[in-house]
Amino acid sequence: MEKYTEKIINEIKKIPEETAPEFYRKIRLIRTELLIESKKRKHRGSLRGIWKGIRIGDELIEEAKRSLFAFEAAGKYGKRK
Protein backbone atom coordinates (compact mmCIF):
# COMPACT_ATOMS: atom_id res chain seq x y z
CA MET A 1 0.00 0.00 0.00
CA GLU A 2 2.83 2.39 0.80
CA LYS A 3 4.15 1.98 -2.73
CA TYR A 4 0.92 3.36 -4.21
CA THR A 5 0.60 6.05 -1.57
CA GLU A 6 4.07 7.32 -2.45
CA LYS A 7 3.23 7.27 -6.16
CA ILE A 8 0.05 9.25 -5.53
CA ILE A 9 1.88 11.80 -3.38
CA ASN A 10 4.58 12.22 -6.04
CA GLU A 11 1.93 12.82 -8.70
CA ILE A 12 0.15 15.34 -6.48
CA LYS A 13 3.37 17.25 -5.97
CA LYS A 14 3.58 17.75 -9.74
CA ILE A 15 0.18 19.50 -9.93
CA PRO A 16 0.38 23.26 -10.53
CA GLU A 17 -0.83 25.29 -7.54
CA GLU A 18 -3.48 27.11 -9.58
CA THR A 19 -5.24 23.82 -10.40
CA ALA A 20 -4.91 22.40 -6.90
CA PRO A 21 -8.37 23.50 -5.63
CA GLU A 22 -10.18 21.80 -8.52
CA PHE A 23 -8.00 18.72 -8.18
CA TYR A 24 -8.75 18.58 -4.44
CA ARG A 25 -12.51 18.67 -5.09
CA LYS A 26 -12.20 15.82 -7.58
CA ILE A 27 -10.06 13.68 -5.27
CA ARG A 28 -12.47 14.27 -2.40
CA LEU A 29 -15.40 13.28 -4.61
CA ILE A 30 -13.65 10.10 -5.72
CA ARG A 31 -12.76 9.18 -2.13
CA THR A 32 -16.30 9.84 -0.95
CA GLU A 33 -17.77 7.75 -3.77
CA LEU A 34 -15.41 4.88 -3.00
CA LEU A 35 -16.47 4.93 0.65
CA ILE A 36 -20.14 4.93 -0.31
CA GLU A 37 -19.61 2.01 -2.70
CA SER A 38 -17.84 -0.03 -0.02
CA LYS A 39 -20.66 0.59 2.45
CA LYS A 40 -23.43 -0.49 0.08
CA ARG A 41 -25.17 -3.71 0.90
CA LYS A 42 -23.76 -6.74 -0.80
CA HIS A 43 -27.18 -8.36 -1.23
CA ARG A 44 -30.05 -6.61 -2.98
CA GLY A 45 -33.36 -6.70 -1.11
CA SER A 46 -36.71 -7.93 -2.32
CA LEU A 47 -38.58 -6.19 -5.12
CA ARG A 48 -41.88 -6.69 -3.30
CA GLY A 49 -41.59 -3.36 -1.46
CA ILE A 50 -41.60 -1.36 -4.69
CA TRP A 51 -45.32 -1.86 -5.27
CA LYS A 52 -46.52 -0.88 -1.76
CA GLY A 53 -49.56 -3.07 -1.17
CA ILE A 54 -50.61 -3.53 -4.79
CA ARG A 55 -51.39 -7.18 -5.33
CA ILE A 56 -48.96 -8.58 -7.86
CA GLY A 57 -48.38 -12.23 -8.47
CA ASP A 58 -45.03 -13.96 -8.12
CA GLU A 59 -44.92 -14.51 -11.88
CA LEU A 60 -44.88 -10.73 -12.51
CA ILE A 61 -42.24 -10.24 -9.83
CA GLU A 62 -40.02 -12.85 -11.45
CA GLU A 63 -40.51 -11.20 -14.84
CA ALA A 64 -39.53 -7.83 -13.32
CA LYS A 65 -36.38 -9.38 -11.87
CA ARG A 66 -35.44 -10.78 -15.28
CA SER A 67 -36.09 -7.39 -16.86
CA LEU A 68 -34.30 -5.22 -14.30
CA PHE A 69 -31.41 -7.51 -13.41
CA ALA A 70 -30.57 -9.21 -16.68
CA PHE A 71 -26.96 -9.82 -15.62
CA GLU A 72 -28.19 -11.96 -12.71
CA ALA A 73 -31.07 -13.47 -14.64
CA ALA A 74 -28.75 -14.86 -17.31
CA GLY A 75 -27.41 -17.38 -14.84
CA LYS A 76 -30.71 -18.26 -13.20
CA TYR A 77 -33.13 -18.06 -16.13
CA GLY A 78 -30.90 -18.81 -19.08
CA LYS A 79 -29.63 -16.39 -21.70
CA ARG A 80 -31.75 -13.37 -22.61
CA LYS A 81 -33.01 -13.01 -26.14
PDB file of N, CA and C in Angstrom:
ATOM      1  N   MET A   1       0.824  -1.191   0.000  1.00  0.00           N
ATOM      2  CA  MET A   1       0.000   0.000   0.000  1.00  0.00           C
ATOM      3  C   MET A   1       0.866   1.253   0.000  1.00  0.00           C
ATOM      4  N   GLU A   2       1.951   1.216   0.734  1.00  0.00           N
ATOM      5  CA  GLU A   2       2.832   2.388   0.797  1.00  0.00           C
ATOM      6  C   GLU A   2       3.365   2.752  -0.586  1.00  0.00           C
ATOM      7  N   LYS A   3       3.620   1.748  -1.391  1.00  0.00           N
ATOM      8  CA  LYS A   3       4.148   1.977  -2.730  1.00  0.00           C
ATOM      9  C   LYS A   3       3.191   2.877  -3.520  1.00  0.00           C
ATOM     10  N   TYR A   4       1.899   2.559  -3.478  1.00  0.00           N
ATOM     11  CA  TYR A   4       0.922   3.355  -4.212  1.00  0.00           C
ATOM     12  C   TYR A   4       0.705   4.716  -3.563  1.00  0.00           C
ATOM     13  N   THR A   5       0.738   4.773  -2.259  1.00  0.00           N
ATOM     14  CA  THR A   5       0.596   6.054  -1.569  1.00  0.00           C
ATOM     15  C   THR A   5       1.718   7.000  -1.971  1.00  0.00           C
ATOM     16  N   GLU A   6       2.930   6.494  -2.028  1.00  0.00           N
ATOM     17  CA  GLU A   6       4.069   7.315  -2.446  1.00  0.00           C
ATOM     18  C   GLU A   6       3.912   7.776  -3.895  1.00  0.00           C
ATOM     19  N   LYS A   7       3.441   6.892  -4.767  1.00  0.00           N
ATOM     20  CA  LYS A   7       3.229   7.265  -6.157  1.00  0.00           C
ATOM     21  C   LYS A   7       2.179   8.371  -6.267  1.00  0.00           C
ATOM     22  N   ILE A   8       1.108   8.235  -5.513  1.00  0.00           N
ATOM     23  CA  ILE A   8       0.046   9.249  -5.531  1.00  0.00           C
ATOM     24  C   ILE A   8       0.582  10.581  -5.030  1.00  0.00           C
ATOM     25  N   ILE A   9       1.313  10.564  -3.942  1.00  0.00           N
ATOM     26  CA  ILE A   9       1.877  11.798  -3.385  1.00  0.00           C
ATOM     27  C   ILE A   9       2.824  12.454  -4.383  1.00  0.00           C
ATOM     28  N   ASN A  10       3.657  11.667  -5.037  1.00  0.00           N
ATOM     29  CA  ASN A  10       4.578  12.216  -6.038  1.00  0.00           C
ATOM     30  C   ASN A  10       3.821  12.856  -7.197  1.00  0.00           C
ATOM     31  N   GLU A  11       2.735  12.243  -7.624  1.00  0.00           N
ATOM     32  CA  GLU A  11       1.928  12.820  -8.698  1.00  0.00           C
ATOM     33  C   GLU A  11       1.264  14.117  -8.241  1.00  0.00           C
ATOM     34  N   ILE A  12       0.796  14.143  -7.025  1.00  0.00           N
ATOM     35  CA  ILE A  12       0.150  15.337  -6.478  1.00  0.00           C
ATOM     36  C   ILE A  12       1.137  16.497  -6.410  1.00  0.00           C
ATOM     37  N   LYS A  13       2.353  16.203  -6.055  1.00  0.00           N
ATOM     38  CA  LYS A  13       3.374  17.252  -5.968  1.00  0.00           C
ATOM     39  C   LYS A  13       3.637  17.916  -7.317  1.00  0.00           C
ATOM     40  N   LYS A  14       3.338  17.224  -8.401  1.00  0.00           N
ATOM     41  CA  LYS A  14       3.576  17.753  -9.742  1.00  0.00           C
ATOM     42  C   LYS A  14       2.429  18.632 -10.248  1.00  0.00           C
ATOM     43  N   ILE A  15       1.338  18.719  -9.501  1.00  0.00           N
ATOM     44  CA  ILE A  15       0.179  19.501  -9.927  1.00  0.00           C
ATOM     45  C   ILE A  15       0.448  20.988  -9.701  1.00  0.00           C
ATOM     46  N   PRO A  16       0.193  21.811 -10.697  1.00  0.00           N
ATOM     47  CA  PRO A  16       0.377  23.259 -10.527  1.00  0.00           C
ATOM     48  C   PRO A  16      -0.564  23.803  -9.443  1.00  0.00           C
ATOM     49  N   GLU A  17      -0.072  24.749  -8.668  1.00  0.00           N
ATOM     50  CA  GLU A  17      -0.834  25.292  -7.537  1.00  0.00           C
ATOM     51  C   GLU A  17      -2.179  25.873  -7.976  1.00  0.00           C
ATOM     52  N   GLU A  18      -2.226  26.486  -9.146  1.00  0.00           N
ATOM     53  CA  GLU A  18      -3.483  27.108  -9.581  1.00  0.00           C
ATOM     54  C   GLU A  18      -4.587  26.084  -9.874  1.00  0.00           C
ATOM     55  N   THR A  19      -4.229  24.851 -10.157  1.00  0.00           N
ATOM     56  CA  THR A  19      -5.237  23.820 -10.403  1.00  0.00           C
ATOM     57  C   THR A  19      -5.502  22.957  -9.175  1.00  0.00           C
ATOM     58  N   ALA A  20      -4.781  23.212  -8.105  1.00  0.00           N
ATOM     59  CA  ALA A  20      -4.910  22.399  -6.898  1.00  0.00           C
ATOM     60  C   ALA A  20      -6.324  22.394  -6.303  1.00  0.00           C
ATOM     61  N   PRO A  21      -7.025  23.541  -6.215  1.00  0.00           N
ATOM     62  CA  PRO A  21      -8.374  23.503  -5.626  1.00  0.00           C
ATOM     63  C   PRO A  21      -9.334  22.587  -6.396  1.00  0.00           C
ATOM     64  N   GLU A  22      -9.303  22.660  -7.710  1.00  0.00           N
ATOM     65  CA  GLU A  22     -10.179  21.803  -8.516  1.00  0.00           C
ATOM     66  C   GLU A  22      -9.771  20.332  -8.376  1.00  0.00           C
ATOM     67  N   PHE A  23      -8.482  20.087  -8.359  1.00  0.00           N
ATOM     68  CA  PHE A  23      -7.999  18.723  -8.179  1.00  0.00           C
ATOM     69  C   PHE A  23      -8.435  18.180  -6.813  1.00  0.00           C
ATOM     70  N   TYR A  24      -8.337  18.997  -5.787  1.00  0.00           N
ATOM     71  CA  TYR A  24      -8.746  18.584  -4.441  1.00  0.00           C
ATOM     72  C   TYR A  24     -10.224  18.182  -4.432  1.00  0.00           C
ATOM     73  N   ARG A  25     -11.077  18.984  -5.063  1.00  0.00           N
ATOM     74  CA  ARG A  25     -12.506  18.671  -5.094  1.00  0.00           C
ATOM     75  C   ARG A  25     -12.751  17.323  -5.781  1.00  0.00           C
ATOM     76  N   LYS A  26     -12.022  17.079  -6.854  1.00  0.00           N
ATOM     77  CA  LYS A  26     -12.197  15.821  -7.578  1.00  0.00           C
ATOM     78  C   LYS A  26     -11.720  14.622  -6.752  1.00  0.00           C
ATOM     79  N   ILE A  27     -10.586  14.766  -6.107  1.00  0.00           N
ATOM     80  CA  ILE A  27     -10.059  13.684  -5.266  1.00  0.00           C
ATOM     81  C   ILE A  27     -11.021  13.397  -4.114  1.00  0.00           C
ATOM     82  N   ARG A  28     -11.524  14.443  -3.515  1.00  0.00           N
ATOM     83  CA  ARG A  28     -12.466  14.271  -2.398  1.00  0.00           C
ATOM     84  C   ARG A  28     -13.730  13.558  -2.880  1.00  0.00           C
ATOM     85  N   LEU A  29     -14.220  13.927  -4.050  1.00  0.00           N
ATOM     86  CA  LEU A  29     -15.397  13.279  -4.610  1.00  0.00           C
ATOM     87  C   LEU A  29     -15.132  11.794  -4.866  1.00  0.00           C
ATOM     88  N   ILE A  30     -14.002  11.497  -5.448  1.00  0.00           N
ATOM     89  CA  ILE A  30     -13.645  10.095  -5.718  1.00  0.00           C
ATOM     90  C   ILE A  30     -13.563   9.311  -4.407  1.00  0.00           C
ATOM     91  N   ARG A  31     -12.894   9.869  -3.418  1.00  0.00           N
ATOM     92  CA  ARG A  31     -12.757   9.180  -2.126  1.00  0.00           C
ATOM     93  C   ARG A  31     -14.115   8.949  -1.491  1.00  0.00           C
ATOM     94  N   THR A  32     -14.964   9.964  -1.525  1.00  0.00           N
ATOM     95  CA  THR A  32     -16.296   9.843  -0.948  1.00  0.00           C
ATOM     96  C   THR A  32     -17.104   8.771  -1.671  1.00  0.00           C
ATOM     97  N   GLU A  33     -17.047   8.755  -2.993  1.00  0.00           N
ATOM     98  CA  GLU A  33     -17.772   7.753  -3.765  1.00  0.00           C
ATOM     99  C   GLU A  33     -17.262   6.348  -3.469  1.00  0.00           C
ATOM    100  N   LEU A  34     -15.968   6.201  -3.320  1.00  0.00           N
ATOM    101  CA  LEU A  34     -15.412   4.883  -3.005  1.00  0.00           C
ATOM    102  C   LEU A  34     -15.891   4.403  -1.648  1.00  0.00           C
ATOM    103  N   LEU A  35     -15.983   5.306  -0.675  1.00  0.00           N
ATOM    104  CA  LEU A  35     -16.473   4.925   0.645  1.00  0.00           C
ATOM    105  C   LEU A  35     -17.934   4.513   0.581  1.00  0.00           C
ATOM    106  N   ILE A  36     -18.730   5.259  -0.180  1.00  0.00           N
ATOM    107  CA  ILE A  36     -20.142   4.928  -0.314  1.00  0.00           C
ATOM    108  C   ILE A  36     -20.299   3.558  -0.963  1.00  0.00           C
ATOM    109  N   GLU A  37     -19.532   3.296  -2.011  1.00  0.00           N
ATOM    110  CA  GLU A  37     -19.605   2.007  -2.696  1.00  0.00           C
ATOM    111  C   GLU A  37     -19.246   0.862  -1.751  1.00  0.00           C
ATOM    112  N   SER A  38     -18.259   1.055  -0.911  1.00  0.00           N
ATOM    113  CA  SER A  38     -17.837  -0.026  -0.022  1.00  0.00           C
ATOM    114  C   SER A  38     -18.849  -0.271   1.087  1.00  0.00           C
ATOM    115  N   LYS A  39     -19.661   0.739   1.400  1.00  0.00           N
ATOM    116  CA  LYS A  39     -20.659   0.589   2.453  1.00  0.00           C
ATOM    117  C   LYS A  39     -21.988   0.051   1.944  1.00  0.00           C
ATOM    118  N   LYS A  40     -22.171   0.008   0.628  1.00  0.00           N
ATOM    119  CA  LYS A  40     -23.426  -0.488   0.078  1.00  0.00           C
ATOM    120  C   LYS A  40     -23.619  -1.947   0.463  1.00  0.00           C
ATOM    121  N   ARG A  41     -24.867  -2.318   0.578  1.00  0.00           N
ATOM    122  CA  ARG A  41     -25.167  -3.710   0.904  1.00  0.00           C
ATOM    123  C   ARG A  41     -24.697  -4.629  -0.213  1.00  0.00           C
ATOM    124  N   LYS A  42     -24.247  -5.766   0.172  1.00  0.00           N
ATOM    125  CA  LYS A  42     -23.764  -6.737  -0.805  1.00  0.00           C
ATOM    126  C   LYS A  42     -24.929  -7.494  -1.448  1.00  0.00           C
ATOM    127  N   HIS A  43     -26.044  -7.594  -0.742  1.00  0.00           N
ATOM    128  CA  HIS A  43     -27.180  -8.356  -1.230  1.00  0.00           C
ATOM    129  C   HIS A  43     -28.354  -7.407  -1.465  1.00  0.00           C
ATOM    130  N   ARG A  44     -28.897  -7.444  -2.647  1.00  0.00           N
ATOM    131  CA  ARG A  44     -30.045  -6.610  -2.983  1.00  0.00           C
ATOM    132  C   ARG A  44     -31.285  -7.160  -2.294  1.00  0.00           C
ATOM    133  N   GLY A  45     -32.143  -6.289  -1.784  1.00  0.00           N
ATOM    134  CA  GLY A  45     -33.363  -6.697  -1.107  1.00  0.00           C
ATOM    135  C   GLY A  45     -34.443  -7.139  -2.082  1.00  0.00           C
ATOM    136  N   SER A  46     -35.582  -7.461  -1.538  1.00  0.00           N
ATOM    137  CA  SER A  46     -36.707  -7.931  -2.318  1.00  0.00           C
ATOM    138  C   SER A  46     -37.311  -6.808  -3.150  1.00  0.00           C
ATOM    139  N   LEU A  47     -37.867  -7.160  -4.284  1.00  0.00           N
ATOM    140  CA  LEU A  47     -38.577  -6.186  -5.122  1.00  0.00           C
ATOM    141  C   LEU A  47     -40.012  -5.968  -4.646  1.00  0.00           C
ATOM    142  N   ARG A  48     -40.492  -6.782  -3.735  1.00  0.00           N
ATOM    143  CA  ARG A  48     -41.882  -6.689  -3.300  1.00  0.00           C
ATOM    144  C   ARG A  48     -42.222  -5.313  -2.733  1.00  0.00           C
ATOM    145  N   GLY A  49     -41.330  -4.649  -2.063  1.00  0.00           N
ATOM    146  CA  GLY A  49     -41.595  -3.360  -1.455  1.00  0.00           C
ATOM    147  C   GLY A  49     -41.838  -2.237  -2.448  1.00  0.00           C
ATOM    148  N   ILE A  50     -41.442  -2.401  -3.679  1.00  0.00           N
ATOM    149  CA  ILE A  50     -41.600  -1.360  -4.693  1.00  0.00           C
ATOM    150  C   ILE A  50     -43.075  -1.039  -4.933  1.00  0.00           C
ATOM    151  N   TRP A  51     -43.923  -2.049  -4.874  1.00  0.00           N
ATOM    152  CA  TRP A  51     -45.319  -1.862  -5.272  1.00  0.00           C
ATOM    153  C   TRP A  51     -46.242  -1.499  -4.119  1.00  0.00           C
ATOM    154  N   LYS A  52     -45.788  -1.382  -2.924  1.00  0.00           N
ATOM    155  CA  LYS A  52     -46.519  -0.878  -1.757  1.00  0.00           C
ATOM    156  C   LYS A  52     -47.978  -1.345  -1.667  1.00  0.00           C
ATOM    157  N   GLY A  53     -48.219  -2.580  -1.420  1.00  0.00           N
ATOM    158  CA  GLY A  53     -49.564  -3.066  -1.167  1.00  0.00           C
ATOM    159  C   GLY A  53     -50.372  -3.444  -2.396  1.00  0.00           C
ATOM    160  N   ILE A  54     -49.917  -3.117  -3.575  1.00  0.00           N
ATOM    161  CA  ILE A  54     -50.611  -3.535  -4.786  1.00  0.00           C
ATOM    162  C   ILE A  54     -50.417  -5.042  -4.910  1.00  0.00           C
ATOM    163  N   ARG A  55     -51.477  -5.724  -5.229  1.00  0.00           N
ATOM    164  CA  ARG A  55     -51.389  -7.181  -5.325  1.00  0.00           C
ATOM    165  C   ARG A  55     -50.815  -7.570  -6.689  1.00  0.00           C
ATOM    166  N   ILE A  56     -49.645  -8.151  -6.651  1.00  0.00           N
ATOM    167  CA  ILE A  56     -48.960  -8.576  -7.864  1.00  0.00           C
ATOM    168  C   ILE A  56     -48.490 -10.005  -7.637  1.00  0.00           C
ATOM    169  N   GLY A  57     -48.749 -10.831  -8.597  1.00  0.00           N
ATOM    170  CA  GLY A  57     -48.376 -12.232  -8.474  1.00  0.00           C
ATOM    171  C   GLY A  57     -46.875 -12.448  -8.579  1.00  0.00           C
ATOM    172  N   ASP A  58     -46.455 -13.600  -8.080  1.00  0.00           N
ATOM    173  CA  ASP A  58     -45.034 -13.957  -8.121  1.00  0.00           C
ATOM    174  C   ASP A  58     -44.503 -14.026  -9.549  1.00  0.00           C
ATOM    175  N   GLU A  59     -45.357 -14.410 -10.490  1.00  0.00           N
ATOM    176  CA  GLU A  59     -44.918 -14.506 -11.881  1.00  0.00           C
ATOM    177  C   GLU A  59     -44.482 -13.131 -12.404  1.00  0.00           C
ATOM    178  N   LEU A  60     -45.249 -12.079 -12.078  1.00  0.00           N
ATOM    179  CA  LEU A  60     -44.877 -10.734 -12.509  1.00  0.00           C
ATOM    180  C   LEU A  60     -43.612 -10.247 -11.808  1.00  0.00           C
ATOM    181  N   ILE A  61     -43.447 -10.623 -10.566  1.00  0.00           N
ATOM    182  CA  ILE A  61     -42.241 -10.237  -9.830  1.00  0.00           C
ATOM    183  C   ILE A  61     -41.022 -10.895 -10.464  1.00  0.00           C
ATOM    184  N   GLU A  62     -41.133 -12.154 -10.810  1.00  0.00           N
ATOM    185  CA  GLU A  62     -40.017 -12.851 -11.452  1.00  0.00           C
ATOM    186  C   GLU A  62     -39.697 -12.230 -12.808  1.00  0.00           C
ATOM    187  N   GLU A  63     -40.729 -11.846 -13.550  1.00  0.00           N
ATOM    188  CA  GLU A  63     -40.506 -11.201 -14.842  1.00  0.00           C
ATOM    189  C   GLU A  63     -39.795  -9.857 -14.649  1.00  0.00           C
ATOM    190  N   ALA A  64     -40.187  -9.118 -13.615  1.00  0.00           N
ATOM    191  CA  ALA A  64     -39.534  -7.834 -13.321  1.00  0.00           C
ATOM    192  C   ALA A  64     -38.066  -8.051 -12.980  1.00  0.00           C
ATOM    193  N   LYS A  65     -37.777  -9.078 -12.210  1.00  0.00           N
ATOM    194  CA  LYS A  65     -36.383  -9.377 -11.867  1.00  0.00           C
ATOM    195  C   LYS A  65     -35.580  -9.662 -13.133  1.00  0.00           C
ATOM    196  N   ARG A  66     -36.155 -10.463 -14.034  1.00  0.00           N
ATOM    197  CA  ARG A  66     -35.445 -10.780 -15.275  1.00  0.00           C
ATOM    198  C   ARG A  66     -35.218  -9.517 -16.101  1.00  0.00           C
ATOM    199  N   SER A  67     -36.186  -8.622 -16.079  1.00  0.00           N
ATOM    200  CA  SER A  67     -36.086  -7.392 -16.861  1.00  0.00           C
ATOM    201  C   SER A  67     -35.077  -6.416 -16.265  1.00  0.00           C
ATOM    202  N   LEU A  68     -35.141  -6.219 -14.959  1.00  0.00           N
ATOM    203  CA  LEU A  68     -34.297  -5.221 -14.301  1.00  0.00           C
ATOM    204  C   LEU A  68     -32.878  -5.703 -14.047  1.00  0.00           C
ATOM    205  N   PHE A  69     -32.712  -6.979 -13.800  1.00  0.00           N
ATOM    206  CA  PHE A  69     -31.410  -7.506 -13.409  1.00  0.00           C
ATOM    207  C   PHE A  69     -30.978  -8.608 -14.373  1.00  0.00           C
ATOM    208  N   ALA A  70     -30.882  -8.241 -15.625  1.00  0.00           N
ATOM    209  CA  ALA A  70     -30.568  -9.211 -16.675  1.00  0.00           C
ATOM    210  C   ALA A  70     -29.245  -9.919 -16.434  1.00  0.00           C
ATOM    211  N   PHE A  71     -28.270  -9.208 -15.867  1.00  0.00           N
ATOM    212  CA  PHE A  71     -26.960  -9.817 -15.622  1.00  0.00           C
ATOM    213  C   PHE A  71     -27.059 -10.954 -14.624  1.00  0.00           C
ATOM    214  N   GLU A  72     -27.981 -10.865 -13.664  1.00  0.00           N
ATOM    215  CA  GLU A  72     -28.185 -11.958 -12.714  1.00  0.00           C
ATOM    216  C   GLU A  72     -29.099 -13.017 -13.308  1.00  0.00           C
ATOM    217  N   ALA A  73     -30.086 -12.560 -14.067  1.00  0.00           N
ATOM    218  CA  ALA A  73     -31.069 -13.474 -14.639  1.00  0.00           C
ATOM    219  C   ALA A  73     -30.443 -14.428 -15.644  1.00  0.00           C
ATOM    220  N   ALA A  74     -29.388 -14.009 -16.313  1.00  0.00           N
ATOM    221  CA  ALA A  74     -28.746 -14.863 -17.314  1.00  0.00           C
ATOM    222  C   ALA A  74     -28.322 -16.186 -16.715  1.00  0.00           C
ATOM    223  N   GLY A  75     -27.822 -16.152 -15.485  1.00  0.00           N
ATOM    224  CA  GLY A  75     -27.406 -17.379 -14.844  1.00  0.00           C
ATOM    225  C   GLY A  75     -28.568 -18.216 -14.336  1.00  0.00           C
ATOM    226  N   LYS A  76     -29.591 -17.555 -13.815  1.00  0.00           N
ATOM    227  CA  LYS A  76     -30.710 -18.256 -13.203  1.00  0.00           C
ATOM    228  C   LYS A  76     -31.776 -18.673 -14.218  1.00  0.00           C
ATOM    229  N   TYR A  77     -32.022 -17.829 -15.202  1.00  0.00           N
ATOM    230  CA  TYR A  77     -33.127 -18.055 -16.128  1.00  0.00           C
ATOM    231  C   TYR A  77     -32.669 -18.410 -17.533  1.00  0.00           C
ATOM    232  N   GLY A  78     -31.398 -18.544 -17.744  1.00  0.00           N
ATOM    233  CA  GLY A  78     -30.900 -18.809 -19.082  1.00  0.00           C
ATOM    234  C   GLY A  78     -30.547 -17.502 -19.775  1.00  0.00           C
ATOM    235  N   LYS A  79     -30.065 -17.586 -20.981  1.00  0.00           N
ATOM    236  CA  LYS A  79     -29.633 -16.393 -21.702  1.00  0.00           C
ATOM    237  C   LYS A  79     -30.838 -15.609 -22.179  1.00  0.00           C
ATOM    238  N   ARG A  80     -30.688 -14.265 -22.136  1.00  0.00           N
ATOM    239  CA  ARG A  80     -31.754 -13.374 -22.614  1.00  0.00           C
ATOM    240  C   ARG A  80     -31.747 -13.336 -24.133  1.00  0.00           C
ATOM    241  N   LYS A  81     -32.897 -13.125 -24.679  1.00  0.00           N
ATOM    242  CA  LYS A  81     -33.008 -13.009 -26.137  1.00  0.00           C
ATOM    243  C   LYS A  81     -32.912 -11.590 -26.570  1.00  0.00           C
TER     244      LYS A  81
END
